[in-house]
Amino acid sequence: MFSFFKKKPPAESPAAPAPSPAAEPAPAPAPAAAPARSVFSPSSWFGSKPAAEEAAPPPAAPDEAPSVAPPPPPPAATPPAAPAAPDLAPVPAASAPAPAVPTVPPPTPALVTEAAMPAERKGWFDKLKTGLRKTGTGIQAVFVNAQIDEALYEELESALLMADAGVKATEYLLDDLRGRVKRQMATDASQVKRLLADAITDLLQPLEKPLVIGQFTPTVIMVAGVNGAGKTTSIGKLTKHLASEGASVLLAAADTFRAAAREQLLVWADRNTVEIVSQEGGDPSAVSFDAVTAGKARGKDVVLVDTAGRLPTQLHLMDELKKIKRVVTKADATAPHEVLLVIDGNTGQNALAQVRAFDETLGLTGLVVTKLDGTAKGGVLCAIARERPVPVYFIGVGEKLEDLETFNAREFALALLG
């Protein structure tokens, strides 16, 4: 790159012009190095360099023209006037596209209706809609024969709070909804209901994130949760989904304190025909270390570590989870790659407290929300999105394997409002 600048001085002499073009082929290998850095996307930066270098030779030509013909300085003054016109032309051209770029594409995903859903998600949506019936009934009732007035917003506030959406999320949704109603000039309750679905979708959008498998081999997933949240069952369902996608899974039965936890995970391993590392009465950290080491040696795609249930208020037990995470890191410096928390939808606002506590202790990367079909407190996802936006990888609305599915903000909002 600097060779171009070094070879410009010799270009001024009359004998030098021949070497200067010959020198130009020499830099040709230099652009070849650009593809090596294309991983970091500097190709545009390198691409702009040749354009700048080509612009350098033209100034040399005008310098020679005045020396050969000194009498015609007046014509030289006219060329500056010509460039002034091109300068004005690009300005309007650049300003014209600018207003056209920020159009209204962002709201389009939020306007997807139930009828426009892909066929493969329709069956799941029907299950989700049925599962969220207890949570959504109170909210849906607000819009029956309602008028768009202050009473509607007051009733909606009560319904959202009863669904455990939380004070902050409820206030945010109502403020957002008022603005949407005003901008759209809604005239009936059904329109307001659709606008509320859009508002909930936008609020929950940050929670929508896929679980990535394959970036690391193996991908080590540490799963935590309080007793009774459905942690081990969710691990079994997740194992089934991963195995059905062709991923090789190794389970770690590190929940050595709860009675029959090891046996329960053994049943899931047998159902899904996957390998398992377990030690009856062994140390949870040692089991986790052995599982990660075995997963690396056997070339497994995923290692799922089932940890013992812990209450966030019992600090000495939470410290045990920290120890497991430290030991897993010793087995694999990059692990754990995912730290998931399984929460029971029935716990409502207590689920938000669990997310806070486990996130501060372990640094959560994702959530699995279970038992949404048996609760009227499914609105807690709105509270999580507003106060602790940890991604929700999966939600469950039943005990069957197919009752655990990936989380989609729009599907959840539509199912909630019927």
Protein backbone atom coordinates (compact mmCIF):
# COMPACT_ATOMS: atom_id res chain seq x y z
CA MET A 1 0.00 0.00 0.00
CA PHE A 2 2.84 2.39 0.87
CA SER A 3 4.73 1.33 -2.28
CA PHE A 4 2.35 3.45 -4.33
CA PHE A 5 3.34 6.56 -2.46
CA LYS A 6 7.04 5.72 -2.65
CA LYS A 7 6.89 5.37 -6.41
CA LYS A 8 5.09 8.65 -7.09
CA PRO A 9 8.26 10.96 -6.92
CA PRO A 10 10.06 9.07 -9.74
CA ALA A 11 6.90 9.37 -11.85
CA GLU A 12 7.54 13.15 -12.27
CA SER A 13 10.69 12.67 -14.41
CA PRO A 14 10.07 12.03 -18.12
CA ALA A 15 12.10 8.79 -18.08
CA ALA A 16 10.33 7.49 -15.03
CA PRO A 17 6.83 7.14 -16.55
CA ALA A 18 7.80 3.78 -18.04
CA PRO A 19 8.84 2.27 -14.66
CA SER A 20 5.78 3.65 -12.85
CA PRO A 21 3.27 1.62 -14.90
CA ALA A 22 5.58 -1.36 -14.60
CA ALA A 23 5.54 -0.91 -10.84
CA GLU A 24 1.75 -0.98 -10.81
CA PRO A 25 1.54 -4.72 -11.58
CA ALA A 26 3.80 -5.36 -8.56
CA PRO A 27 1.16 -4.21 -6.01
CA ALA A 28 -1.27 -6.72 -7.60
CA PRO A 29 -0.37 -9.36 -4.97
CA ALA A 30 -1.21 -6.86 -2.23
CA PRO A 31 -4.96 -7.01 -2.93
CA ALA A 32 -4.68 -10.79 -2.68
CA ALA A 33 -4.02 -10.35 1.06
CA ALA A 34 -7.41 -8.65 1.42
CA PRO A 35 -9.41 -11.88 1.24
CA ALA A 36 -7.47 -13.19 4.26
CA ARG A 37 -8.88 -10.34 6.33
CA SER A 38 -12.32 -10.51 4.77
CA VAL A 39 -13.44 -12.41 7.89
CA PHE A 40 -13.38 -9.10 9.73
CA SER A 41 -15.21 -7.34 6.88
CA PRO A 42 -12.50 -4.79 6.02
CA SER A 43 -12.90 -5.58 2.31
CA SER A 44 -14.76 -2.31 1.80
CA TRP A 45 -11.90 -0.45 3.47
CA PHE A 46 -9.34 -2.06 1.16
CA GLY A 47 -11.66 -1.56 -1.79
CA SER A 48 -11.72 2.17 -1.19
CA LYS A 49 -7.93 2.35 -1.21
CA PRO A 50 -7.45 1.49 -4.93
CA ALA A 51 -10.06 4.10 -5.89
CA ALA A 52 -8.13 6.75 -3.95
CA GLU A 53 -4.86 5.70 -5.55
CA GLU A 54 -6.30 5.94 -9.04
CA ALA A 55 -7.50 9.45 -8.28
CA ALA A 56 -3.92 10.50 -7.46
CA PRO A 57 -2.51 10.34 -11.05
CA PRO A 58 -5.02 12.81 -12.58
CA PRO A 59 -3.78 15.73 -10.44
CA ALA A 60 -0.28 15.21 -11.96
CA ALA A 61 -1.62 15.81 -15.48
CA PRO A 62 -3.06 19.26 -14.72
CA ASP A 63 0.30 20.27 -13.19
CA GLU A 64 2.02 19.59 -16.54
CA ALA A 65 -0.65 21.42 -18.59
CA PRO A 66 -0.03 24.87 -17.05
CA SER A 67 3.73 24.48 -17.55
CA VAL A 68 3.37 23.76 -21.30
CA ALA A 69 0.81 26.48 -22.05
CA PRO A 70 1.18 29.44 -19.64
CA PRO A 71 -0.90 31.83 -21.82
CA PRO A 72 -4.26 30.10 -21.22
CA PRO A 73 -4.78 30.64 -17.46
CA PRO A 74 -8.36 31.89 -18.05
CA PRO A 75 -9.51 28.45 -19.39
CA ALA A 76 -8.03 26.87 -16.23
CA ALA A 77 -10.43 28.95 -14.15
CA THR A 78 -13.40 27.51 -16.02
CA PRO A 79 -12.81 23.84 -14.97
CA PRO A 80 -13.42 24.64 -11.27
CA ALA A 81 -16.86 25.90 -12.28
CA ALA A 82 -17.63 22.57 -13.97
CA PRO A 83 -16.94 20.45 -10.84
CA ALA A 84 -19.28 22.72 -8.88
CA ALA A 85 -22.23 21.36 -10.87
CA PRO A 86 -21.45 17.69 -10.16
CA ASP A 87 -21.09 18.55 -6.47
CA LEU A 88 -24.63 19.86 -6.40
CA ALA A 89 -26.06 16.88 -8.30
CA PRO A 90 -24.96 14.17 -5.79
CA VAL A 91 -26.30 16.16 -2.85
CA PRO A 92 -29.95 15.98 -3.88
CA ALA A 93 -29.46 12.41 -5.11
CA ALA A 94 -28.10 11.31 -1.70
CA SER A 95 -30.74 13.20 0.24
CA ALA A 96 -33.59 11.75 -1.80
CA PRO A 97 -33.01 8.08 -0.85
CA ALA A 98 -32.48 8.96 2.83
CA PRO A 99 -36.15 9.61 3.63
CA ALA A 100 -37.17 6.53 1.62
CA VAL A 101 -35.02 4.12 3.73
CA PRO A 102 -36.79 4.51 7.11
CA THR A 103 -40.16 3.20 5.95
CA VAL A 104 -42.51 0.96 7.95
CA PRO A 105 -40.93 -2.53 7.60
CA PRO A 106 -40.26 -2.98 11.37
CA PRO A 107 -43.95 -3.26 12.35
CA THR A 108 -44.63 -5.89 9.67
CA PRO A 109 -43.46 -8.88 11.75
CA ALA A 110 -45.78 -7.76 14.56
CA LEU A 111 -48.73 -7.73 12.17
CA VAL A 112 -48.52 -11.46 11.44
CA THR A 113 -51.89 -13.06 12.14
CA GLU A 114 -52.85 -16.57 13.15
CA ALA A 115 -53.94 -17.31 9.58
CA ALA A 116 -50.50 -16.33 8.22
CA MET A 117 -48.58 -18.72 10.50
CA PRO A 118 -46.53 -21.51 8.92
CA ALA A 119 -48.32 -24.86 8.84
CA GLU A 120 -45.63 -26.52 10.95
CA ARG A 121 -46.27 -24.08 13.81
CA LYS A 122 -50.06 -24.14 13.62
CA GLY A 123 -50.44 -27.34 15.66
CA TRP A 124 -48.16 -25.99 18.37
CA PHE A 125 -50.00 -22.67 18.41
CA ASP A 126 -53.29 -24.44 19.07
CA LYS A 127 -51.72 -26.19 22.08
CA LEU A 128 -50.25 -22.93 23.31
CA LYS A 129 -53.58 -21.16 22.93
CA THR A 130 -55.27 -23.87 24.99
CA GLY A 131 -52.49 -23.85 27.56
CA LEU A 132 -52.66 -20.08 28.10
CA ARG A 133 -56.44 -20.06 28.45
CA LYS A 134 -56.31 -19.60 32.23
CA THR A 135 -53.93 -16.67 31.91
CA GLY A 136 -55.68 -14.98 29.00
CA THR A 137 -59.31 -15.34 30.09
CA GLY A 138 -59.23 -12.31 32.38
CA ILE A 139 -57.52 -10.12 29.78
CA GLN A 140 -59.81 -11.19 26.96
CA ALA A 141 -62.92 -10.46 29.07
CA VAL A 142 -61.96 -6.78 29.29
CA PHE A 143 -62.66 -6.27 25.58
CA VAL A 144 -66.14 -7.83 25.54
CA ASN A 145 -68.68 -5.08 24.68
CA ALA A 146 -66.21 -2.45 25.85
CA GLN A 147 -65.90 1.21 24.96
CA ILE A 148 -62.57 2.94 24.39
CA ASP A 149 -62.47 5.05 27.52
CA GLU A 150 -60.57 5.34 30.78
CA ALA A 151 -62.59 2.51 32.31
CA LEU A 152 -61.23 0.14 29.65
CA TYR A 153 -57.64 0.96 30.57
CA GLU A 154 -58.39 0.59 34.30
CA GLU A 155 -59.92 -2.84 33.79
CA LEU A 156 -57.06 -3.85 31.56
CA GLU A 157 -54.56 -2.73 34.20
CA SER A 158 -56.25 -4.97 36.79
CA ALA A 159 -56.34 -7.91 34.37
CA LEU A 160 -52.63 -7.62 33.55
CA LEU A 161 -51.70 -7.40 37.22
CA MET A 162 -53.84 -10.46 37.98
CA ALA A 163 -51.93 -12.32 35.23
CA ASP A 164 -48.71 -11.44 37.10
CA ALA A 165 -47.38 -9.15 34.40
CA GLY A 166 -45.98 -6.97 37.17
CA VAL A 167 -46.36 -3.26 37.87
CA LYS A 168 -43.54 -2.05 35.62
CA ALA A 169 -44.56 -4.15 32.63
CA THR A 170 -48.23 -3.24 33.09
CA GLU A 171 -47.50 0.49 33.16
CA TYR A 172 -45.26 0.15 30.12
CA LEU A 173 -47.87 -1.80 28.15
CA LEU A 174 -50.68 0.64 28.99
CA ASP A 175 -48.59 3.67 27.99
CA ASP A 176 -47.57 1.94 24.77
CA LEU A 177 -51.16 0.92 24.05
CA ARG A 178 -52.50 4.46 24.57
CA GLY A 179 -49.98 5.75 22.04
CA ARG A 180 -50.87 3.07 19.51
CA VAL A 181 -54.61 3.71 19.89
CA LYS A 182 -54.06 7.43 19.35
CA ARG A 183 -51.83 6.94 16.29
CA GLN A 184 -54.07 4.33 14.70
CA MET A 185 -57.23 6.22 15.68
CA ALA A 186 -58.88 3.00 16.85
CA THR A 187 -62.65 3.17 17.13
CA ASP A 188 -63.66 -0.16 18.70
CA ALA A 189 -62.44 -2.59 21.35
CA SER A 190 -61.43 -5.28 18.86
CA GLN A 191 -58.90 -2.90 17.34
CA VAL A 192 -57.53 -2.08 20.78
CA LYS A 193 -57.17 -5.81 21.45
CA ARG A 194 -55.11 -6.27 18.29
CA LEU A 195 -52.96 -3.28 19.20
CA LEU A 196 -52.37 -4.79 22.65
CA ALA A 197 -51.18 -7.99 20.95
CA ASP A 198 -48.70 -5.87 18.97
CA ALA A 199 -47.52 -4.12 22.15
CA ILE A 200 -46.99 -7.43 23.97
CA THR A 201 -45.14 -8.82 20.94
CA ASP A 202 -42.74 -5.87 20.91
CA LEU A 203 -42.19 -6.17 24.67
CA LEU A 204 -41.41 -9.90 24.47
CA GLN A 205 -39.30 -9.68 21.30
CA PRO A 206 -35.96 -9.38 23.18
CA LEU A 207 -36.69 -12.75 24.83
CA GLU A 208 -36.95 -14.53 21.47
CA LYS A 209 -33.59 -16.14 20.78
CA PRO A 210 -32.66 -19.58 19.39
CA LEU A 211 -30.44 -22.05 21.23
CA VAL A 212 -27.29 -22.46 19.11
CA ILE A 213 -25.73 -25.91 18.96
CA GLY A 214 -22.49 -26.76 17.15
CA GLN A 215 -20.38 -23.68 17.72
CA PHE A 216 -18.46 -25.70 20.33
CA THR A 217 -17.83 -29.45 20.43
CA PRO A 218 -19.27 -30.44 22.74
CA THR A 219 -21.74 -27.68 23.60
CA VAL A 220 -21.95 -27.87 27.39
CA ILE A 221 -25.35 -26.87 28.78
CA MET A 222 -25.70 -26.48 32.54
CA VAL A 223 -29.32 -26.65 33.74
CA ALA A 224 -30.43 -25.23 37.10
CA GLY A 225 -33.73 -24.66 38.87
CA VAL A 226 -35.56 -25.07 42.15
CA ASN A 227 -37.04 -28.39 43.19
CA GLY A 228 -40.36 -29.13 41.48
CA ALA A 229 -39.88 -26.72 38.56
CA GLY A 230 -39.67 -29.59 36.08
CA LYS A 231 -35.92 -29.39 35.55
CA THR A 232 -35.15 -33.07 35.00
CA THR A 233 -38.26 -33.57 32.87
CA SER A 234 -37.31 -30.57 30.72
CA ILE A 235 -33.82 -32.04 30.26
CA GLY A 236 -35.41 -35.27 29.06
CA LYS A 237 -37.62 -33.42 26.57
CA LEU A 238 -34.72 -31.29 25.37
CA THR A 239 -32.63 -34.46 24.92
CA LYS A 240 -35.36 -35.93 22.76
CA HIS A 241 -35.53 -32.83 20.57
CA LEU A 242 -31.73 -32.74 20.16
CA ALA A 243 -31.50 -36.46 19.41
CA SER A 244 -34.29 -36.23 16.85
CA GLU A 245 -32.31 -33.49 15.09
CA GLY A 246 -29.32 -35.83 14.82
CA ALA A 247 -27.23 -34.43 17.68
CA SER A 248 -25.32 -36.86 19.89
CA VAL A 249 -26.10 -36.10 23.55
CA LEU A 250 -24.39 -37.08 26.81
CA LEU A 251 -26.26 -36.58 30.09
CA ALA A 252 -24.61 -35.79 33.43
CA ALA A 253 -26.62 -36.85 36.49
CA ALA A 254 -25.15 -34.23 38.81
CA ASP A 255 -28.33 -34.00 40.90
CA THR A 256 -27.03 -36.42 43.51
CA PHE A 257 -28.97 -35.04 46.47
CA ARG A 258 -32.58 -35.50 45.45
CA ALA A 259 -33.97 -38.98 45.93
CA ALA A 260 -34.50 -40.87 42.65
CA ALA A 261 -33.18 -37.95 40.56
CA ARG A 262 -30.45 -40.17 39.12
CA GLU A 263 -32.94 -42.94 38.36
CA GLN A 264 -35.31 -40.46 36.70
CA LEU A 265 -32.58 -39.21 34.39
CA LEU A 266 -31.55 -42.81 33.64
CA VAL A 267 -35.10 -43.47 32.42
CA TRP A 268 -34.93 -40.47 30.08
CA ALA A 269 -31.51 -41.60 28.81
CA ASP A 270 -32.92 -45.03 28.08
CA ARG A 271 -35.97 -43.59 26.28
CA ASN A 272 -33.82 -41.40 24.08
CA THR A 273 -31.03 -43.99 23.71
CA VAL A 274 -28.31 -41.58 24.82
CA GLU A 275 -25.33 -42.10 27.11
CA ILE A 276 -25.24 -40.92 30.72
CA VAL A 277 -22.52 -40.31 33.31
CA SER A 278 -23.67 -40.86 36.90
CA GLN A 279 -22.31 -41.80 40.33
CA GLU A 280 -24.60 -42.87 43.10
CA GLY A 281 -24.00 -40.50 46.00
CA GLY A 282 -21.08 -38.89 44.16
CA ASP A 283 -20.00 -35.27 44.30
CA PRO A 284 -21.99 -33.15 41.79
CA SER A 285 -18.89 -31.27 40.66
CA ALA A 286 -16.96 -34.50 40.08
CA VAL A 287 -19.81 -35.95 38.01
CA SER A 288 -19.97 -32.77 35.93
CA PHE A 289 -16.19 -32.83 35.37
CA ASP A 290 -16.25 -36.47 34.28
CA ALA A 291 -19.18 -35.85 31.92
CA VAL A 292 -17.55 -32.90 30.15
CA THR A 293 -14.25 -34.80 29.85
CA ALA A 294 -16.08 -37.84 28.45
CA GLY A 295 -18.05 -35.67 26.05
CA LYS A 296 -14.84 -34.23 24.62
CA ALA A 297 -13.20 -37.64 24.34
CA ARG A 298 -16.22 -39.25 22.66
CA GLY A 299 -16.89 -36.35 20.29
CA LYS A 300 -20.38 -35.63 21.59
CA ASP A 301 -22.32 -32.68 20.21
CA VAL A 302 -24.00 -31.76 23.50
CA VAL A 303 -23.36 -32.42 27.19
CA LEU A 304 -26.40 -31.70 29.40
CA VAL A 305 -25.58 -31.25 33.08
CA ASP A 306 -28.51 -31.79 35.44
CA THR A 307 -27.73 -29.95 38.68
CA ALA A 308 -29.44 -30.30 42.04
CA GLY A 309 -32.46 -28.13 42.76
CA ARG A 310 -31.57 -25.05 44.73
CA LEU A 311 -33.56 -22.34 46.46
CA PRO A 312 -32.08 -18.90 45.75
CA THR A 313 -32.48 -17.96 49.43
CA GLN A 314 -30.13 -20.77 50.55
CA LEU A 315 -26.78 -19.17 49.80
CA HIS A 316 -24.66 -22.15 50.84
CA LEU A 317 -26.51 -24.30 48.30
CA MET A 318 -26.18 -21.66 45.61
CA ASP A 319 -22.43 -21.73 46.25
CA GLU A 320 -22.51 -25.39 45.24
CA LEU A 321 -23.78 -24.32 41.81
CA LYS A 322 -20.90 -21.86 41.52
CA LYS A 323 -18.52 -24.72 42.29
CA ILE A 324 -20.04 -26.91 39.57
CA LYS A 325 -19.61 -24.09 37.06
CA ARG A 326 -15.96 -23.58 38.09
CA VAL A 327 -15.19 -27.30 37.79
CA VAL A 328 -16.87 -27.50 34.37
CA THR A 329 -14.61 -24.66 33.25
CA LYS A 330 -11.58 -26.66 34.38
CA ALA A 331 -12.69 -29.56 32.17
CA ASP A 332 -13.26 -27.18 29.23
CA ALA A 333 -11.97 -23.62 29.38
CA THR A 334 -14.81 -22.39 27.16
CA ALA A 335 -17.59 -24.17 29.09
CA PRO A 336 -20.33 -23.96 30.16
CA HIS A 337 -21.55 -22.50 26.90
CA GLU A 338 -25.15 -22.22 28.08
CA VAL A 339 -26.54 -21.82 31.60
CA LEU A 340 -30.28 -22.45 31.58
CA LEU A 341 -32.78 -21.90 34.38
CA VAL A 342 -36.01 -23.90 34.44
CA ILE A 343 -38.84 -21.94 36.08
CA ASP A 344 -42.37 -23.00 36.92
CA GLY A 345 -45.00 -20.69 35.37
CA ASN A 346 -47.23 -21.30 38.40
CA THR A 347 -44.89 -19.31 40.65
CA GLY A 348 -45.74 -15.99 39.00
CA GLN A 349 -43.71 -13.09 40.37
CA ASN A 350 -41.59 -15.52 42.38
CA ALA A 351 -40.25 -16.73 39.03
CA LEU A 352 -38.89 -13.23 38.42
CA ALA A 353 -37.14 -13.35 41.80
CA GLN A 354 -35.59 -16.69 40.84
CA VAL A 355 -34.34 -15.29 37.55
CA ARG A 356 -32.68 -12.39 39.38
CA ALA A 357 -30.99 -14.62 41.98
CA PHE A 358 -29.74 -17.31 39.61
CA ASP A 359 -28.60 -14.73 37.06
CA GLU A 360 -26.50 -12.95 39.67
CA THR A 361 -25.01 -16.26 40.82
CA LEU A 362 -24.43 -18.09 37.54
CA GLY A 363 -24.89 -15.58 34.73
CA LEU A 364 -27.88 -17.08 32.95
CA THR A 365 -27.94 -17.35 29.17
CA GLY A 366 -31.49 -18.65 28.76
CA LEU A 367 -34.75 -19.78 30.39
CA VAL A 368 -37.10 -22.73 30.07
CA VAL A 369 -40.61 -21.83 31.30
CA THR A 370 -42.75 -24.86 32.16
CA LYS A 371 -46.34 -25.61 33.23
CA LEU A 372 -47.89 -22.59 31.55
CA ASP A 373 -50.98 -24.68 30.91
CA GLY A 374 -51.79 -25.01 34.61
CA THR A 375 -51.51 -21.41 35.69
CA ALA A 376 -53.24 -18.05 35.39
CA LYS A 377 -49.90 -16.27 35.91
CA GLY A 378 -48.34 -16.64 32.47
CA GLY A 379 -48.04 -12.87 32.23
CA VAL A 380 -44.83 -13.16 34.25
CA LEU A 381 -42.96 -13.32 30.93
CA CYS A 382 -43.88 -9.66 30.44
CA ALA A 383 -42.35 -8.87 33.85
CA ILE A 384 -39.19 -10.79 32.95
CA ALA A 385 -38.93 -8.96 29.62
CA ARG A 386 -39.25 -5.59 31.32
CA GLU A 387 -37.06 -6.15 34.39
CA ARG A 388 -34.65 -9.03 33.60
CA PRO A 389 -34.70 -9.79 29.85
CA VAL A 390 -33.00 -13.20 29.86
CA PRO A 391 -33.82 -15.04 26.60
CA VAL A 392 -36.57 -17.69 26.77
CA TYR A 393 -35.41 -20.66 24.72
CA PHE A 394 -38.35 -22.98 25.39
CA ILE A 395 -41.83 -22.95 26.92
CA GLY A 396 -43.88 -25.94 28.02
CA VAL A 397 -47.64 -26.41 28.14
CA GLY A 398 -47.90 -30.09 29.09
CA GLU A 399 -46.15 -33.30 30.05
CA LYS A 400 -45.69 -34.78 26.57
CA LEU A 401 -42.46 -34.48 24.60
CA GLU A 402 -44.11 -32.34 21.94
CA ASP A 403 -45.42 -29.97 24.62
CA LEU A 404 -42.01 -28.29 24.89
CA GLU A 405 -41.35 -25.88 22.02
CA THR A 406 -39.25 -22.88 21.08
CA PHE A 407 -40.53 -19.50 22.26
CA ASN A 408 -42.01 -17.09 19.74
CA ALA A 409 -43.10 -13.64 20.96
CA ARG A 410 -45.86 -13.17 18.38
CA GLU A 411 -47.32 -16.62 18.95
CA PHE A 412 -47.37 -16.04 22.70
CA ALA A 413 -49.10 -12.66 22.37
CA LEU A 414 -51.78 -13.98 20.00
CA ALA A 415 -52.38 -17.09 22.13
CA LEU A 416 -52.65 -14.96 25.27
CA LEU A 417 -55.36 -12.74 23.79
CA GLY A 418 -57.19 -15.57 22.04
